[in-house]
C-alpha atoms as a PDB file:
ATOM      1  CA  MET A   1     -46.723  13.421  31.687  1.00  0.00           C
ATOM      2  CA  SER A   2     -48.686  10.565  33.290  1.00  0.00           C
ATOM      3  CA  GLY A   3     -45.180   8.599  32.981  1.00  0.00           C
ATOM      4  CA  ILE A   4     -43.514  10.819  35.006  1.00  0.00           C
ATOM      5  CA  SER A   5     -46.519  10.680  37.698  1.00  0.00           C
ATOM      6  CA  LEU A   6     -46.399   6.955  37.724  1.00  0.00           C
ATOM      7  CA  LEU A   7     -42.518   7.007  37.907  1.00  0.00           C
ATOM      8  CA  LEU A   8     -42.562   9.134  40.818  1.00  0.00           C
ATOM      9  CA  THR A   9     -45.575   7.457  42.442  1.00  0.00           C
ATOM     10  CA  LEU A  10     -43.612   4.192  42.098  1.00  0.00           C
ATOM     11  CA  SER A  11     -40.182   5.524  43.616  1.00  0.00           C
ATOM     12  CA  ALA A  12     -41.884   7.210  46.257  1.00  0.00           C
ATOM     13  CA  MET A  13     -43.828   3.574  47.229  1.00  0.00           C
ATOM     14  CA  LEU A  14     -40.744   1.684  47.104  1.00  0.00           C
ATOM     15  CA  GLY A  15     -38.542   4.152  48.648  1.00  0.00           C
ATOM     16  CA  GLY A  16     -40.759   3.924  52.025  1.00  0.00           C
ATOM     17  CA  LEU A  17     -42.232   7.336  51.888  1.00  0.00           C
ATOM     18  CA  MET A  18     -46.108   5.885  51.494  1.00  0.00           C
ATOM     19  CA  MET A  19     -45.921   2.792  53.916  1.00  0.00           C
ATOM     20  CA  PRO A  20     -43.291   1.370  55.970  1.00  0.00           C
ATOM     21  CA  LEU A  21     -40.723  -0.827  53.922  1.00  0.00           C
ATOM     22  CA  GLU A  22     -41.215  -3.859  56.283  1.00  0.00           C
ATOM     23  CA  PHE A  23     -44.795  -4.183  54.478  1.00  0.00           C
ATOM     24  CA  LEU A  24     -43.165  -4.895  51.400  1.00  0.00           C
ATOM     25  CA  PRO A  25     -42.028  -8.187  49.868  1.00  0.00           C
ATOM     26  CA  ASP A  26     -38.250  -9.156  50.115  1.00  0.00           C
ATOM     27  CA  ALA A  27     -37.905  -8.627  46.149  1.00  0.00           C
ATOM     28  CA  LEU A  28     -39.349  -5.034  46.310  1.00  0.00           C
ATOM     29  CA  PHE A  29     -37.709  -4.272  49.956  1.00  0.00           C
ATOM     30  CA  TYR A  30     -34.380  -4.424  47.904  1.00  0.00           C
ATOM     31  CA  LEU A  31     -35.343  -2.989  44.958  1.00  0.00           C
ATOM     32  CA  GLY A  32     -36.511   0.064  47.075  1.00  0.00           C
ATOM     33  CA  ALA A  33     -33.058   0.641  48.168  1.00  0.00           C
ATOM     34  CA  ILE A  34     -31.896   1.961  44.292  1.00  0.00           C
ATOM     35  CA  THR A  35     -34.362   4.827  44.301  1.00  0.00           C
ATOM     36  CA  PRO A  36     -33.372   8.415  45.467  1.00  0.00           C
ATOM     37  CA  ALA A  37     -36.556   8.764  47.691  1.00  0.00           C
ATOM     38  CA  HIS A  38     -35.512   5.683  49.747  1.00  0.00           C
ATOM     39  CA  TRP A  39     -32.168   7.663  50.544  1.00  0.00           C
ATOM     40  CA  ALA A  40     -33.731  10.858  51.214  1.00  0.00           C
ATOM     41  CA  ALA A  41     -36.475   9.010  53.647  1.00  0.00           C
ATOM     42  CA  ARG A  42     -33.506   7.338  55.270  1.00  0.00           C
ATOM     43  CA  SER A  43     -31.352  10.292  55.830  1.00  0.00           C
ATOM     44  CA  LEU A  44     -34.239  12.244  57.493  1.00  0.00           C
ATOM     45  CA  GLN A  45     -34.935   9.568  59.855  1.00  0.00           C
ATOM     46  CA  GLU A  46     -31.617   9.399  61.098  1.00  0.00           C
ATOM     47  CA  LEU A  47     -31.570  13.425  61.487  1.00  0.00           C
ATOM     48  CA  MET A  48     -34.858  13.217  63.270  1.00  0.00           C
ATOM     49  CA  ASN A  49     -33.903   9.921  65.712  1.00  0.00           C
ATOM     50  CA  TYR A  50     -30.399  10.728  66.618  1.00  0.00           C
ATOM     51  CA  SER A  51     -30.119  14.571  65.862  1.00  0.00           C
ATOM     52  CA  SER A  52     -26.822  14.471  64.743  1.00  0.00           C
ATOM     53  CA  LEU A  53     -24.758  14.061  61.887  1.00  0.00           C
ATOM     54  CA  THR A  54     -24.469  10.341  61.698  1.00  0.00           C
ATOM     55  CA  ASN A  55     -22.581   8.284  59.273  1.00  0.00           C
ATOM     56  CA  MET A  56     -25.738   7.003  57.634  1.00  0.00           C
ATOM     57  CA  TYR A  57     -27.057  10.618  57.400  1.00  0.00           C
ATOM     58  CA  TRP A  58     -24.059  11.396  55.169  1.00  0.00           C
ATOM     59  CA  LEU A  59     -24.239   8.136  53.313  1.00  0.00           C
ATOM     60  CA  GLY A  60     -27.470   9.124  52.452  1.00  0.00           C
ATOM     61  CA  LEU A  61     -26.715  12.734  51.169  1.00  0.00           C
ATOM     62  CA  LEU A  62     -23.863  11.018  49.157  1.00  0.00           C
ATOM     63  CA  ALA A  63     -26.507   8.709  47.544  1.00  0.00           C
ATOM     64  CA  MET A  64     -28.546  11.585  46.683  1.00  0.00           C
ATOM     65  CA  ALA A  65     -25.517  13.642  45.164  1.00  0.00           C
ATOM     66  CA  MET A  66     -24.709  10.483  43.017  1.00  0.00           C
ATOM     67  CA  PHE A  67     -28.586  10.298  41.940  1.00  0.00           C
ATOM     68  CA  ALA A  68     -28.398  13.827  41.084  1.00  0.00           C
ATOM     69  CA  THR A  69     -25.327  13.746  38.912  1.00  0.00           C
ATOM     70  CA  ALA A  70     -26.401  10.924  37.207  1.00  0.00           C
ATOM     71  CA  PHE A  71     -30.030  12.612  36.328  1.00  0.00           C
ATOM     72  CA  VAL A  72     -27.922  16.087  35.147  1.00  0.00           C
ATOM     73  CA  LEU A  73     -25.539  14.147  33.145  1.00  0.00           C
ATOM     74  CA  TYR A  74     -28.168  11.816  31.415  1.00  0.00           C
ATOM     75  CA  GLY A  75     -30.539  15.003  30.803  1.00  0.00           C
ATOM     76  CA  SER A  76     -27.371  16.810  29.215  1.00  0.00           C
ATOM     77  CA  LYS A  77     -26.763  14.066  26.815  1.00  0.00           C
ATOM     78  CA  ARG A  78     -30.071  13.844  25.787  1.00  0.00           C
ATOM     79  CA  ARG A  79     -30.121  17.676  25.099  1.00  0.00           C
ATOM     80  CA  LEU A  80     -26.918  17.735  23.243  1.00  0.00           C
ATOM     81  CA  VAL A  81     -27.818  14.918  21.050  1.00  0.00           C
END
């Protein structure tokens, strides 16, 4: 269980939920762009800042849907085997 907690904490940190991404080194900044937390935070920021459904909002939702699909497929594969 502690492994999952560590993974979620790292995802939140790299995604920009615990601190602004500008404080991270360049390598970690780009690594954070592949976490679901980054896309969730980015979509919420777009919605709060512009209060309309911009292209970046939809891109974030698409990225989160792709992550969800990948996680469900991975979980289904492990359960079937």
